[in-house]
């Protein structure tokens, strides 16, 4: 199992597109400038959306290599293969947490406003988004095919621009922060339930797939 997890974790980093990183960096800088003292929080949301998407892209690259053919020649079950992917996603959460911390520290320095509540909320959000993204999208990719993961890469760009535009005037910042604070525990529980259920659904879909 550890070898499977390590493979998926390494694929996550090797499948990162440099162009995507450049676009992400530009979008995050713009967002942090537009949203002021809440910049770290919203940068975290955008950054962890990319992490969730990147996990799917890495899994798609794995499928292109015909991984299931290798799996049949190895003493591992379909459950082990799929569970390894879900566990590797949990490992990549560390990237989101570190990124969230960095974004919020930069924001604190830029605007000289330290808000521990926002930093903690950002850290929780950095965990929820990738888990929720994977929990919803990975079963869909096993069902519809991993080409859909490639499509998600481009579709995601559209809501990013709307995301920046919506908060350009700062009118929705406080409402979103308050909403997150009020429902973060409920959302966290729902996310964990969805993630666990998603894994078992993905196992069933994986076992039914043809080579």
N, C-alpha and C. Protein backbone atom coordinates (compact mmCIF):
# COMPACT_ATOMS: atom_id res chain seq x y z
N UNK A 1 0.83 -1.21 0.00
CA UNK A 1 0.00 0.00 0.00
C UNK A 1 0.86 1.26 0.00
N UNK A 2 1.96 1.25 0.79
CA UNK A 2 2.79 2.45 0.86
C UNK A 2 3.43 2.79 -0.48
N UNK A 3 3.78 1.75 -1.24
CA UNK A 3 4.35 1.98 -2.56
C UNK A 3 3.35 2.63 -3.50
N UNK A 4 2.10 2.20 -3.42
CA UNK A 4 1.03 2.77 -4.25
C UNK A 4 0.79 4.23 -3.89
N UNK A 5 0.76 4.51 -2.59
CA UNK A 5 0.55 5.88 -2.14
C UNK A 5 1.70 6.78 -2.58
N UNK A 6 2.92 6.28 -2.42
CA UNK A 6 4.10 7.06 -2.82
C UNK A 6 4.07 7.36 -4.32
N UNK A 7 3.68 6.38 -5.13
CA UNK A 7 3.60 6.58 -6.58
C UNK A 7 2.63 7.70 -6.91
N UNK A 8 1.43 7.66 -6.33
CA UNK A 8 0.42 8.67 -6.62
C UNK A 8 0.85 10.05 -6.12
N UNK A 9 1.56 10.08 -5.00
CA UNK A 9 2.03 11.35 -4.45
C UNK A 9 3.07 11.98 -5.37
N UNK A 10 3.98 11.16 -5.91
CA UNK A 10 5.01 11.66 -6.82
C UNK A 10 4.40 12.10 -8.14
N UNK A 11 3.42 11.34 -8.63
CA UNK A 11 2.74 11.70 -9.88
C UNK A 11 2.07 13.06 -9.75
N UNK A 12 1.55 13.36 -8.56
CA UNK A 12 0.92 14.66 -8.31
C UNK A 12 1.86 15.80 -8.67
N UNK A 13 3.11 15.71 -8.23
CA UNK A 13 4.07 16.78 -8.48
C UNK A 13 4.61 16.75 -9.92
N UNK A 14 4.80 15.56 -10.45
CA UNK A 14 5.37 15.47 -11.79
C UNK A 14 4.39 15.90 -12.87
N UNK A 15 3.10 15.87 -12.58
CA UNK A 15 2.10 16.24 -13.59
C UNK A 15 1.74 17.72 -13.56
N UNK A 16 2.41 18.49 -12.69
CA UNK A 16 2.12 19.92 -12.60
C UNK A 16 2.60 20.63 -13.87
N UNK A 17 1.72 21.38 -14.48
CA UNK A 17 2.03 22.14 -15.69
C UNK A 17 2.57 23.51 -15.30
N UNK A 18 3.72 23.88 -15.86
CA UNK A 18 4.33 25.18 -15.53
C UNK A 18 3.43 26.34 -15.94
N UNK A 19 2.72 26.18 -17.06
CA UNK A 19 1.82 27.25 -17.50
C UNK A 19 0.70 27.46 -16.49
N UNK A 20 0.23 26.35 -15.92
CA UNK A 20 -0.81 26.46 -14.90
C UNK A 20 -0.29 27.21 -13.68
N UNK A 21 0.96 26.95 -13.30
CA UNK A 21 1.56 27.62 -12.15
C UNK A 21 1.67 29.12 -12.39
N UNK A 22 2.05 29.50 -13.60
CA UNK A 22 2.18 30.92 -13.93
C UNK A 22 0.82 31.61 -13.86
N UNK A 23 -0.20 30.97 -14.46
CA UNK A 23 -1.55 31.54 -14.42
C UNK A 23 -2.07 31.62 -12.99
N UNK A 24 -1.79 30.59 -12.21
CA UNK A 24 -2.24 30.56 -10.82
C UNK A 24 -1.58 31.68 -10.02
N UNK A 25 -0.26 31.85 -10.21
CA UNK A 25 0.46 32.89 -9.48
C UNK A 25 -0.10 34.27 -9.80
N UNK A 26 -0.36 34.52 -11.09
CA UNK A 26 -0.91 35.81 -11.49
C UNK A 26 -2.30 36.04 -10.92
N UNK A 27 -3.14 35.00 -10.94
CA UNK A 27 -4.51 35.11 -10.42
C UNK A 27 -4.50 35.34 -8.92
N UNK A 28 -3.61 34.66 -8.20
CA UNK A 28 -3.54 34.81 -6.75
C UNK A 28 -3.06 36.21 -6.36
N UNK A 29 -2.05 36.71 -7.08
CA UNK A 29 -1.56 38.06 -6.80
C UNK A 29 -2.68 39.08 -7.02
N UNK A 30 -3.40 38.94 -8.12
CA UNK A 30 -4.51 39.85 -8.41
C UNK A 30 -5.57 39.77 -7.32
N UNK A 31 -5.89 38.56 -6.92
CA UNK A 31 -6.93 38.36 -5.91
C UNK A 31 -6.53 38.96 -4.57
N UNK A 32 -5.27 38.78 -4.19
CA UNK A 32 -4.80 39.31 -2.91
C UNK A 32 -4.80 40.83 -2.90
N UNK A 33 -4.50 41.42 -4.04
CA UNK A 33 -4.54 42.88 -4.14
C UNK A 33 -5.97 43.41 -4.10
N UNK A 34 -6.90 42.66 -4.67
CA UNK A 34 -8.28 43.11 -4.75
C UNK A 34 -9.03 42.95 -3.43
N UNK A 35 -8.65 41.94 -2.67
CA UNK A 35 -9.44 41.61 -1.47
C UNK A 35 -8.82 42.09 -0.17
N UNK A 36 -7.72 42.80 -0.25
CA UNK A 36 -7.16 43.45 0.93
C UNK A 36 -6.78 42.50 2.06
N UNK A 37 -7.25 42.81 3.26
CA UNK A 37 -6.88 42.04 4.45
C UNK A 37 -7.40 40.61 4.42
N UNK A 38 -8.35 40.31 3.54
CA UNK A 38 -8.87 38.95 3.40
C UNK A 38 -8.17 38.20 2.26
N UNK A 39 -7.13 38.81 1.71
CA UNK A 39 -6.46 38.23 0.55
C UNK A 39 -5.94 36.82 0.77
N UNK A 40 -5.38 36.56 1.96
CA UNK A 40 -4.85 35.23 2.25
C UNK A 40 -5.93 34.16 2.23
N UNK A 41 -7.10 34.53 2.74
CA UNK A 41 -8.22 33.59 2.78
C UNK A 41 -8.67 33.21 1.37
N UNK A 42 -8.86 34.21 0.51
CA UNK A 42 -9.35 33.93 -0.83
C UNK A 42 -8.28 33.33 -1.73
N UNK A 43 -7.02 33.68 -1.47
CA UNK A 43 -5.92 33.04 -2.19
C UNK A 43 -5.87 31.55 -1.85
N UNK A 44 -6.16 31.24 -0.59
CA UNK A 44 -6.20 29.84 -0.15
C UNK A 44 -7.27 29.06 -0.91
N UNK A 45 -8.43 29.66 -1.07
CA UNK A 45 -9.52 29.01 -1.79
C UNK A 45 -9.10 28.68 -3.22
N UNK A 46 -8.53 29.67 -3.89
CA UNK A 46 -8.12 29.46 -5.28
C UNK A 46 -7.00 28.42 -5.38
N UNK A 47 -6.01 28.53 -4.50
CA UNK A 47 -4.87 27.62 -4.52
C UNK A 47 -5.29 26.18 -4.28
N UNK A 48 -6.17 25.96 -3.31
CA UNK A 48 -6.58 24.59 -3.00
C UNK A 48 -7.55 24.02 -4.04
N UNK A 49 -8.25 24.90 -4.76
CA UNK A 49 -9.03 24.42 -5.91
C UNK A 49 -8.10 23.80 -6.95
N UNK A 50 -6.95 24.43 -7.16
CA UNK A 50 -5.96 23.92 -8.10
C UNK A 50 -5.38 22.59 -7.61
N UNK A 51 -5.15 22.49 -6.30
CA UNK A 51 -4.63 21.24 -5.74
C UNK A 51 -5.60 20.10 -6.00
N UNK A 52 -6.89 20.36 -5.76
CA UNK A 52 -7.90 19.34 -6.02
C UNK A 52 -7.91 18.94 -7.48
N UNK A 53 -7.83 19.92 -8.37
CA UNK A 53 -7.81 19.63 -9.80
C UNK A 53 -6.54 18.88 -10.18
N UNK A 54 -5.40 19.27 -9.61
CA UNK A 54 -4.13 18.66 -9.97
C UNK A 54 -4.07 17.20 -9.59
N UNK A 55 -4.71 16.84 -8.49
CA UNK A 55 -4.79 15.43 -8.12
C UNK A 55 -5.47 14.62 -9.22
N UNK A 56 -6.56 15.14 -9.75
CA UNK A 56 -7.28 14.45 -10.82
C UNK A 56 -6.45 14.36 -12.09
N UNK A 57 -5.71 15.43 -12.40
CA UNK A 57 -4.85 15.42 -13.58
C UNK A 57 -3.77 14.35 -13.44
N UNK A 58 -3.22 14.25 -12.24
CA UNK A 58 -2.20 13.22 -12.00
C UNK A 58 -2.77 11.82 -12.16
N UNK A 59 -3.98 11.60 -11.66
CA UNK A 59 -4.62 10.29 -11.81
C UNK A 59 -4.91 10.00 -13.28
N UNK A 60 -5.26 11.04 -14.03
CA UNK A 60 -5.53 10.88 -15.46
C UNK A 60 -4.27 10.46 -16.20
N UNK A 61 -3.14 11.07 -15.84
CA UNK A 61 -1.86 10.69 -16.46
C UNK A 61 -1.52 9.25 -16.14
N UNK A 62 -1.86 8.84 -14.93
CA UNK A 62 -1.64 7.45 -14.52
C UNK A 62 -2.43 6.49 -15.40
N UNK A 63 -3.67 6.84 -15.69
CA UNK A 63 -4.52 6.00 -16.52
C UNK A 63 -4.01 5.92 -17.95
N UNK A 64 -3.46 7.01 -18.45
CA UNK A 64 -2.92 7.02 -19.82
C UNK A 64 -1.77 6.02 -19.96
N UNK A 65 -1.08 5.79 -18.87
CA UNK A 65 0.04 4.85 -18.89
C UNK A 65 -0.43 3.39 -18.81
N UNK A 66 -1.75 3.19 -18.77
CA UNK A 66 -2.29 1.83 -18.71
C UNK A 66 -2.01 1.15 -17.40
N UNK A 67 -2.20 1.90 -16.31
CA UNK A 67 -1.85 1.36 -14.99
C UNK A 67 -2.60 0.08 -14.65
N UNK A 68 -3.87 -0.04 -15.07
CA UNK A 68 -4.64 -1.22 -14.68
C UNK A 68 -4.03 -2.49 -15.25
N UNK A 69 -3.37 -2.41 -16.38
CA UNK A 69 -2.68 -3.58 -16.92
C UNK A 69 -1.57 -4.06 -15.99
N UNK A 70 -0.85 -3.08 -15.41
CA UNK A 70 0.20 -3.43 -14.46
C UNK A 70 -0.41 -3.96 -13.17
N UNK A 71 -1.52 -3.39 -12.77
CA UNK A 71 -2.15 -3.80 -11.52
C UNK A 71 -2.56 -5.28 -11.56
N UNK A 72 -3.03 -5.73 -12.72
CA UNK A 72 -3.45 -7.12 -12.84
C UNK A 72 -2.29 -8.09 -12.70
N UNK A 73 -1.09 -7.59 -12.96
CA UNK A 73 0.10 -8.45 -12.83
C UNK A 73 0.71 -8.37 -11.44
N UNK A 74 0.10 -7.59 -10.57
CA UNK A 74 0.62 -7.40 -9.22
C UNK A 74 -0.36 -7.95 -8.18
N UNK A 75 0.16 -8.34 -7.01
CA UNK A 75 -0.72 -8.89 -5.96
C UNK A 75 -1.41 -7.79 -5.16
N UNK A 76 -2.13 -6.92 -5.87
CA UNK A 76 -2.86 -5.85 -5.20
C UNK A 76 -4.29 -5.82 -5.74
N UNK A 77 -5.20 -5.46 -4.90
CA UNK A 77 -6.62 -5.42 -5.28
C UNK A 77 -7.00 -4.05 -5.81
N UNK A 78 -8.19 -4.00 -6.43
CA UNK A 78 -8.72 -2.72 -6.89
C UNK A 78 -8.92 -1.76 -5.74
N UNK A 79 -9.33 -2.30 -4.58
CA UNK A 79 -9.52 -1.45 -3.41
C UNK A 79 -8.21 -0.79 -3.01
N UNK A 80 -7.12 -1.54 -3.04
CA UNK A 80 -5.81 -0.99 -2.68
C UNK A 80 -5.41 0.14 -3.62
N UNK A 81 -5.65 -0.05 -4.92
CA UNK A 81 -5.30 0.96 -5.92
C UNK A 81 -6.08 2.25 -5.67
N UNK A 82 -7.37 2.13 -5.51
CA UNK A 82 -8.21 3.32 -5.34
C UNK A 82 -7.98 3.96 -3.98
N UNK A 83 -7.89 3.15 -2.94
CA UNK A 83 -7.64 3.69 -1.60
C UNK A 83 -6.31 4.43 -1.55
N UNK A 84 -5.34 3.93 -2.29
CA UNK A 84 -4.04 4.60 -2.36
C UNK A 84 -4.16 6.00 -2.92
N UNK A 85 -5.01 6.17 -3.91
CA UNK A 85 -5.23 7.50 -4.50
C UNK A 85 -5.87 8.44 -3.49
N UNK A 86 -6.85 7.94 -2.78
CA UNK A 86 -7.54 8.79 -1.79
C UNK A 86 -6.61 9.16 -0.64
N UNK A 87 -5.75 8.24 -0.23
CA UNK A 87 -4.81 8.55 0.85
C UNK A 87 -3.75 9.53 0.36
N UNK A 88 -3.32 9.39 -0.89
CA UNK A 88 -2.32 10.33 -1.43
C UNK A 88 -2.87 11.74 -1.48
N UNK A 89 -4.18 11.87 -1.73
CA UNK A 89 -4.81 13.19 -1.71
C UNK A 89 -4.71 13.81 -0.32
N UNK A 90 -4.89 12.98 0.70
CA UNK A 90 -4.77 13.46 2.08
C UNK A 90 -3.35 13.98 2.33
N UNK A 91 -2.35 13.30 1.77
CA UNK A 91 -0.96 13.76 1.93
C UNK A 91 -0.74 15.12 1.27
N UNK A 92 -1.38 15.33 0.12
CA UNK A 92 -1.18 16.60 -0.59
C UNK A 92 -1.85 17.77 0.14
N UNK A 93 -2.67 17.48 1.14
CA UNK A 93 -3.28 18.56 1.92
C UNK A 93 -2.22 19.41 2.62
N UNK A 94 -1.06 18.80 2.89
CA UNK A 94 0.03 19.54 3.53
C UNK A 94 0.47 20.71 2.65
N UNK A 95 0.43 20.51 1.32
CA UNK A 95 0.81 21.57 0.39
C UNK A 95 -0.15 22.75 0.53
N UNK A 96 -1.45 22.43 0.61
CA UNK A 96 -2.46 23.47 0.75
C UNK A 96 -2.35 24.22 2.07
N UNK A 97 -2.07 23.49 3.14
CA UNK A 97 -1.96 24.12 4.46
C UNK A 97 -0.77 25.07 4.51
N UNK A 98 0.37 24.61 3.97
CA UNK A 98 1.56 25.47 3.93
C UNK A 98 1.30 26.70 3.07
N UNK A 99 0.68 26.49 1.90
CA UNK A 99 0.36 27.60 1.02
C UNK A 99 -0.57 28.60 1.70
N UNK A 100 -1.56 28.08 2.41
CA UNK A 100 -2.50 28.95 3.13
C UNK A 100 -1.79 29.80 4.16
N UNK A 101 -0.89 29.18 4.90
CA UNK A 101 -0.13 29.91 5.91
C UNK A 101 0.72 31.01 5.28
N UNK A 102 1.37 30.69 4.17
CA UNK A 102 2.23 31.67 3.48
C UNK A 102 1.40 32.85 2.97
N UNK A 103 0.26 32.55 2.33
CA UNK A 103 -0.59 33.62 1.80
C UNK A 103 -1.08 34.55 2.90
N UNK A 104 -1.46 33.96 4.02
CA UNK A 104 -1.99 34.78 5.12
C UNK A 104 -0.89 35.61 5.80
N UNK A 105 0.30 35.05 5.90
CA UNK A 105 1.41 35.81 6.48
C UNK A 105 1.77 36.98 5.58
N UNK A 106 1.80 36.73 4.26
CA UNK A 106 2.08 37.82 3.31
C UNK A 106 1.02 38.92 3.45
N UNK A 107 -0.24 38.50 3.55
CA UNK A 107 -1.33 39.47 3.71
C UNK A 107 -1.18 40.27 5.00
N UNK A 108 -0.82 39.59 6.09
CA UNK A 108 -0.63 40.27 7.37
C UNK A 108 0.48 41.31 7.28
N UNK A 109 1.56 40.96 6.57
CA UNK A 109 2.68 41.88 6.42
C UNK A 109 2.29 43.06 5.54
N UNK A 110 1.58 42.77 4.44
CA UNK A 110 1.20 43.81 3.50
C UNK A 110 0.28 44.84 4.13
N UNK A 111 -0.70 44.36 4.90
CA UNK A 111 -1.73 45.25 5.44
C UNK A 111 -1.61 45.48 6.96
N UNK A 112 -0.56 44.88 7.56
CA UNK A 112 -0.29 45.05 8.99
C UNK A 112 -1.54 44.75 9.82
N UNK A 113 -2.14 43.63 9.50
CA UNK A 113 -3.37 43.23 10.18
C UNK A 113 -3.34 41.71 10.43
N UNK A 114 -3.02 41.31 11.65
CA UNK A 114 -2.94 39.90 11.99
C UNK A 114 -4.29 39.43 12.52
N UNK A 115 -4.88 38.44 11.83
CA UNK A 115 -6.19 37.92 12.22
C UNK A 115 -6.08 36.41 12.35
N UNK A 116 -5.93 35.93 13.58
CA UNK A 116 -5.75 34.50 13.84
C UNK A 116 -6.96 33.69 13.39
N UNK A 117 -8.15 34.26 13.54
CA UNK A 117 -9.38 33.56 13.14
C UNK A 117 -9.38 33.26 11.64
N UNK A 118 -8.96 34.23 10.84
CA UNK A 118 -8.91 34.03 9.39
C UNK A 118 -7.85 33.01 9.02
N UNK A 119 -6.72 33.05 9.71
CA UNK A 119 -5.64 32.09 9.43
C UNK A 119 -6.11 30.67 9.71
N UNK A 120 -6.78 30.48 10.85
CA UNK A 120 -7.29 29.14 11.20
C UNK A 120 -8.38 28.69 10.22
N UNK A 121 -9.27 29.61 9.87
CA UNK A 121 -10.34 29.29 8.93
C UNK A 121 -9.76 28.93 7.56
N UNK A 122 -8.72 29.64 7.15
CA UNK A 122 -8.07 29.35 5.87
C UNK A 122 -7.46 27.96 5.87
N UNK A 123 -6.85 27.58 7.00
CA UNK A 123 -6.24 26.25 7.11
C UNK A 123 -7.30 25.15 6.98
N UNK A 124 -8.45 25.38 7.61
CA UNK A 124 -9.53 24.39 7.52
C UNK A 124 -10.07 24.31 6.09
N UNK A 125 -10.22 25.47 5.45
CA UNK A 125 -10.69 25.51 4.07
C UNK A 125 -9.72 24.80 3.15
N UNK A 126 -8.42 24.92 3.43
CA UNK A 126 -7.40 24.28 2.59
C UNK A 126 -7.48 22.76 2.67
N UNK A 127 -8.13 22.25 3.70
CA UNK A 127 -8.34 20.80 3.84
C UNK A 127 -9.65 20.39 3.19
N UNK A 128 -10.68 21.18 3.40
CA UNK A 128 -12.02 20.84 2.92
C UNK A 128 -12.09 20.81 1.39
N UNK A 129 -11.56 21.83 0.73
CA UNK A 129 -11.74 21.96 -0.72
C UNK A 129 -11.15 20.79 -1.51
N UNK A 130 -9.88 20.41 -1.29
CA UNK A 130 -9.35 19.27 -2.05
C UNK A 130 -10.09 17.96 -1.78
N UNK A 131 -10.50 17.76 -0.52
CA UNK A 131 -11.23 16.54 -0.19
C UNK A 131 -12.59 16.52 -0.88
N UNK A 132 -13.27 17.66 -0.84
CA UNK A 132 -14.58 17.74 -1.47
C UNK A 132 -14.46 17.62 -2.99
N UNK A 133 -13.45 18.26 -3.53
CA UNK A 133 -13.22 18.21 -4.98
C UNK A 133 -12.99 16.76 -5.43
N UNK A 134 -12.11 16.06 -4.73
CA UNK A 134 -11.81 14.66 -5.07
C UNK A 134 -13.02 13.77 -4.82
N UNK A 135 -13.69 14.00 -3.70
CA UNK A 135 -14.83 13.17 -3.35
C UNK A 135 -15.94 13.23 -4.37
N UNK A 136 -16.10 14.36 -5.02
CA UNK A 136 -17.16 14.51 -6.03
C UNK A 136 -16.67 14.11 -7.42
N UNK A 137 -15.46 14.55 -7.76
CA UNK A 137 -14.99 14.41 -9.14
C UNK A 137 -14.37 13.06 -9.48
N UNK A 138 -13.69 12.42 -8.52
CA UNK A 138 -13.02 11.17 -8.85
C UNK A 138 -13.99 10.06 -9.25
N UNK A 139 -15.11 9.86 -8.54
CA UNK A 139 -16.07 8.87 -9.03
C UNK A 139 -16.60 9.21 -10.42
N UNK A 140 -16.76 10.50 -10.70
CA UNK A 140 -17.24 10.91 -12.02
C UNK A 140 -16.23 10.57 -13.11
N UNK A 141 -14.95 10.71 -12.78
CA UNK A 141 -13.93 10.40 -13.78
C UNK A 141 -13.84 8.89 -14.03
N UNK A 142 -14.07 8.09 -12.98
CA UNK A 142 -14.11 6.63 -13.19
C UNK A 142 -15.33 6.24 -14.02
N UNK A 143 -16.39 7.00 -13.88
CA UNK A 143 -17.63 6.71 -14.61
C UNK A 143 -17.58 7.24 -16.04
N UNK A 144 -17.17 8.48 -16.20
CA UNK A 144 -17.18 9.13 -17.51
C UNK A 144 -15.87 8.98 -18.28
N UNK A 145 -14.81 8.58 -17.56
CA UNK A 145 -13.51 8.47 -18.21
C UNK A 145 -12.60 9.61 -17.77
N UNK A 146 -11.31 9.36 -17.77
CA UNK A 146 -10.37 10.34 -17.25
C UNK A 146 -10.11 11.49 -18.21
N UNK A 147 -10.64 11.42 -19.41
CA UNK A 147 -10.55 12.59 -20.29
C UNK A 147 -11.33 13.76 -19.70
N UNK A 148 -12.36 13.44 -18.90
CA UNK A 148 -13.14 14.50 -18.26
C UNK A 148 -12.29 15.31 -17.30
N UNK A 149 -11.24 14.69 -16.73
CA UNK A 149 -10.34 15.42 -15.84
C UNK A 149 -9.58 16.49 -16.60
N UNK A 150 -9.23 16.19 -17.84
CA UNK A 150 -8.56 17.19 -18.67
C UNK A 150 -9.48 18.36 -18.96
N UNK A 151 -10.75 18.07 -19.19
CA UNK A 151 -11.72 19.13 -19.47
C UNK A 151 -11.88 20.03 -18.26
N UNK A 152 -11.88 19.43 -17.04
CA UNK A 152 -12.04 20.20 -15.82
C UNK A 152 -10.94 21.23 -15.66
N UNK A 153 -9.74 20.93 -16.17
CA UNK A 153 -8.62 21.86 -16.07
C UNK A 153 -8.95 23.19 -16.72
N UNK A 154 -9.61 23.13 -17.88
CA UNK A 154 -9.91 24.35 -18.63
C UNK A 154 -11.21 25.01 -18.13
N UNK A 155 -12.16 24.19 -17.73
CA UNK A 155 -13.42 24.73 -17.23
C UNK A 155 -13.19 25.52 -15.95
N UNK A 156 -12.20 25.11 -15.15
CA UNK A 156 -11.93 25.76 -13.87
C UNK A 156 -11.48 27.20 -14.05
N UNK A 157 -10.85 27.51 -15.18
CA UNK A 157 -10.35 28.87 -15.41
C UNK A 157 -11.50 29.88 -15.40
N UNK A 158 -12.65 29.49 -15.93
CA UNK A 158 -13.80 30.40 -16.03
C UNK A 158 -14.28 30.87 -14.66
N UNK A 159 -14.59 29.94 -13.72
CA UNK A 159 -15.04 30.43 -12.40
C UNK A 159 -13.96 31.21 -11.66
N UNK A 160 -12.68 30.98 -11.97
CA UNK A 160 -11.62 31.74 -11.32
C UNK A 160 -11.73 33.23 -11.63
N UNK A 161 -11.95 33.54 -12.91
CA UNK A 161 -12.07 34.93 -13.30
C UNK A 161 -13.32 35.57 -12.68
N UNK A 162 -14.42 34.82 -12.65
CA UNK A 162 -15.63 35.34 -12.02
C UNK A 162 -15.44 35.51 -10.51
N UNK A 163 -14.64 34.62 -9.94
CA UNK A 163 -14.34 34.68 -8.51
C UNK A 163 -13.64 35.99 -8.16
N UNK A 164 -12.63 36.34 -8.97
CA UNK A 164 -11.91 37.59 -8.76
C UNK A 164 -12.83 38.78 -8.99
N UNK A 165 -13.64 38.72 -10.05
CA UNK A 165 -14.52 39.84 -10.40
C UNK A 165 -15.57 40.07 -9.32
N UNK A 166 -16.10 38.99 -8.76
CA UNK A 166 -17.16 39.12 -7.76
C UNK A 166 -16.68 39.88 -6.53
N UNK A 167 -15.45 39.62 -6.13
CA UNK A 167 -14.93 40.24 -4.92
C UNK A 167 -14.11 41.50 -5.19
N UNK A 168 -14.18 41.97 -6.42
CA UNK A 168 -13.39 43.14 -6.80
C UNK A 168 -13.77 44.37 -5.97
N UNK A 169 -15.06 44.53 -5.70
CA UNK A 169 -15.48 45.70 -4.94
C UNK A 169 -15.56 45.43 -3.44
N UNK A 170 -15.25 44.17 -3.04
CA UNK A 170 -15.22 43.82 -1.62
C UNK A 170 -16.58 43.68 -0.98
N UNK A 171 -17.65 43.72 -1.76
CA UNK A 171 -18.99 43.72 -1.17
C UNK A 171 -19.38 42.40 -0.52
N UNK A 172 -18.81 41.31 -1.00
CA UNK A 172 -19.23 40.02 -0.47
C UNK A 172 -18.26 39.39 0.50
N UNK A 173 -17.20 40.09 0.85
CA UNK A 173 -16.17 39.50 1.70
C UNK A 173 -16.68 39.12 3.08
N UNK A 174 -17.25 40.08 3.78
CA UNK A 174 -17.69 39.82 5.16
C UNK A 174 -18.79 38.76 5.21
N UNK A 175 -19.70 38.79 4.26
CA UNK A 175 -20.78 37.80 4.23
C UNK A 175 -20.23 36.39 4.09
N UNK A 176 -19.23 36.25 3.19
CA UNK A 176 -18.66 34.92 2.97
C UNK A 176 -17.89 34.44 4.20
N UNK A 177 -17.14 35.34 4.83
CA UNK A 177 -16.39 34.96 6.02
C UNK A 177 -17.34 34.54 7.14
N UNK A 178 -18.39 35.32 7.36
CA UNK A 178 -19.36 35.00 8.41
C UNK A 178 -20.07 33.68 8.13
N UNK A 179 -20.41 33.45 6.87
CA UNK A 179 -21.07 32.20 6.49
C UNK A 179 -20.16 31.02 6.77
N UNK A 180 -18.88 31.17 6.44
CA UNK A 180 -17.91 30.09 6.66
C UNK A 180 -17.77 29.79 8.14
N UNK A 181 -17.70 30.84 8.95
CA UNK A 181 -17.55 30.64 10.39
C UNK A 181 -18.73 29.90 11.00
N UNK A 182 -19.93 30.22 10.53
CA UNK A 182 -21.15 29.64 11.10
C UNK A 182 -21.33 28.17 10.75
N UNK A 183 -20.86 27.76 9.59
CA UNK A 183 -21.18 26.42 9.10
C UNK A 183 -19.94 25.54 8.88
N UNK A 184 -18.78 25.98 9.33
CA UNK A 184 -17.56 25.25 9.03
C UNK A 184 -17.55 23.84 9.62
N UNK A 185 -18.11 23.66 10.81
CA UNK A 185 -18.12 22.32 11.43
C UNK A 185 -19.03 21.38 10.65
N UNK A 186 -20.22 21.88 10.30
CA UNK A 186 -21.16 21.06 9.53
C UNK A 186 -20.57 20.69 8.18
N UNK A 187 -19.98 21.66 7.52
CA UNK A 187 -19.37 21.41 6.21
C UNK A 187 -18.22 20.41 6.33
N UNK A 188 -17.45 20.49 7.40
CA UNK A 188 -16.33 19.56 7.61
C UNK A 188 -16.83 18.13 7.75
N UNK A 189 -17.87 17.94 8.53
CA UNK A 189 -18.44 16.61 8.73
C UNK A 189 -18.99 16.05 7.42
N UNK A 190 -19.72 16.90 6.70
CA UNK A 190 -20.29 16.48 5.41
C UNK A 190 -19.18 16.10 4.44
N UNK A 191 -18.11 16.88 4.44
CA UNK A 191 -16.97 16.61 3.55
C UNK A 191 -16.35 15.25 3.83
N UNK A 192 -16.15 14.95 5.11
CA UNK A 192 -15.54 13.66 5.47
C UNK A 192 -16.45 12.51 5.06
N UNK A 193 -17.75 12.65 5.28
CA UNK A 193 -18.70 11.60 4.90
C UNK A 193 -18.68 11.39 3.38
N UNK A 194 -18.71 12.50 2.64
CA UNK A 194 -18.68 12.41 1.17
C UNK A 194 -17.39 11.74 0.71
N UNK A 195 -16.29 12.09 1.34
CA UNK A 195 -14.99 11.54 0.93
C UNK A 195 -14.92 10.04 1.13
N UNK A 196 -15.40 9.57 2.27
CA UNK A 196 -15.37 8.14 2.56
C UNK A 196 -16.32 7.38 1.62
N UNK A 197 -17.53 7.90 1.44
CA UNK A 197 -18.48 7.27 0.53
C UNK A 197 -17.95 7.26 -0.90
N UNK A 198 -17.31 8.35 -1.27
CA UNK A 198 -16.74 8.48 -2.61
C UNK A 198 -15.71 7.39 -2.88
N UNK A 199 -14.91 7.07 -1.88
CA UNK A 199 -13.87 6.05 -2.06
C UNK A 199 -14.48 4.70 -2.40
N UNK A 200 -15.52 4.31 -1.69
CA UNK A 200 -16.14 3.02 -1.94
C UNK A 200 -16.88 3.00 -3.29
N UNK A 201 -17.47 4.13 -3.66
CA UNK A 201 -18.11 4.22 -4.97
C UNK A 201 -17.06 4.10 -6.07
N UNK A 202 -15.91 4.76 -5.87
CA UNK A 202 -14.83 4.69 -6.86
C UNK A 202 -14.28 3.28 -7.00
N UNK A 203 -14.21 2.56 -5.88
CA UNK A 203 -13.75 1.17 -5.93
C UNK A 203 -14.67 0.33 -6.82
N UNK A 204 -15.97 0.48 -6.64
CA UNK A 204 -16.94 -0.26 -7.45
C UNK A 204 -16.82 0.10 -8.93
N UNK A 205 -16.69 1.39 -9.22
CA UNK A 205 -16.56 1.83 -10.61
C UNK A 205 -15.25 1.38 -11.22
N UNK A 206 -14.20 1.37 -10.42
CA UNK A 206 -12.88 0.93 -10.90
C UNK A 206 -12.91 -0.55 -11.27
N UNK A 207 -13.54 -1.36 -10.43
CA UNK A 207 -13.58 -2.80 -10.67
C UNK A 207 -14.40 -3.12 -11.93
N UNK A 208 -15.38 -2.29 -12.27
CA UNK A 208 -16.22 -2.53 -13.43
C UNK A 208 -15.62 -2.02 -14.73
N UNK A 209 -14.58 -1.22 -14.64
CA UNK A 209 -13.99 -0.65 -15.84
C UNK A 209 -13.28 -1.73 -16.65
N UNK A 210 -13.33 -1.54 -17.96
CA UNK A 210 -12.62 -2.45 -18.85
C UNK A 210 -11.19 -1.96 -19.04
N UNK A 211 -10.31 -2.84 -19.45
CA UNK A 211 -8.94 -2.46 -19.70
C UNK A 211 -8.87 -1.57 -20.92
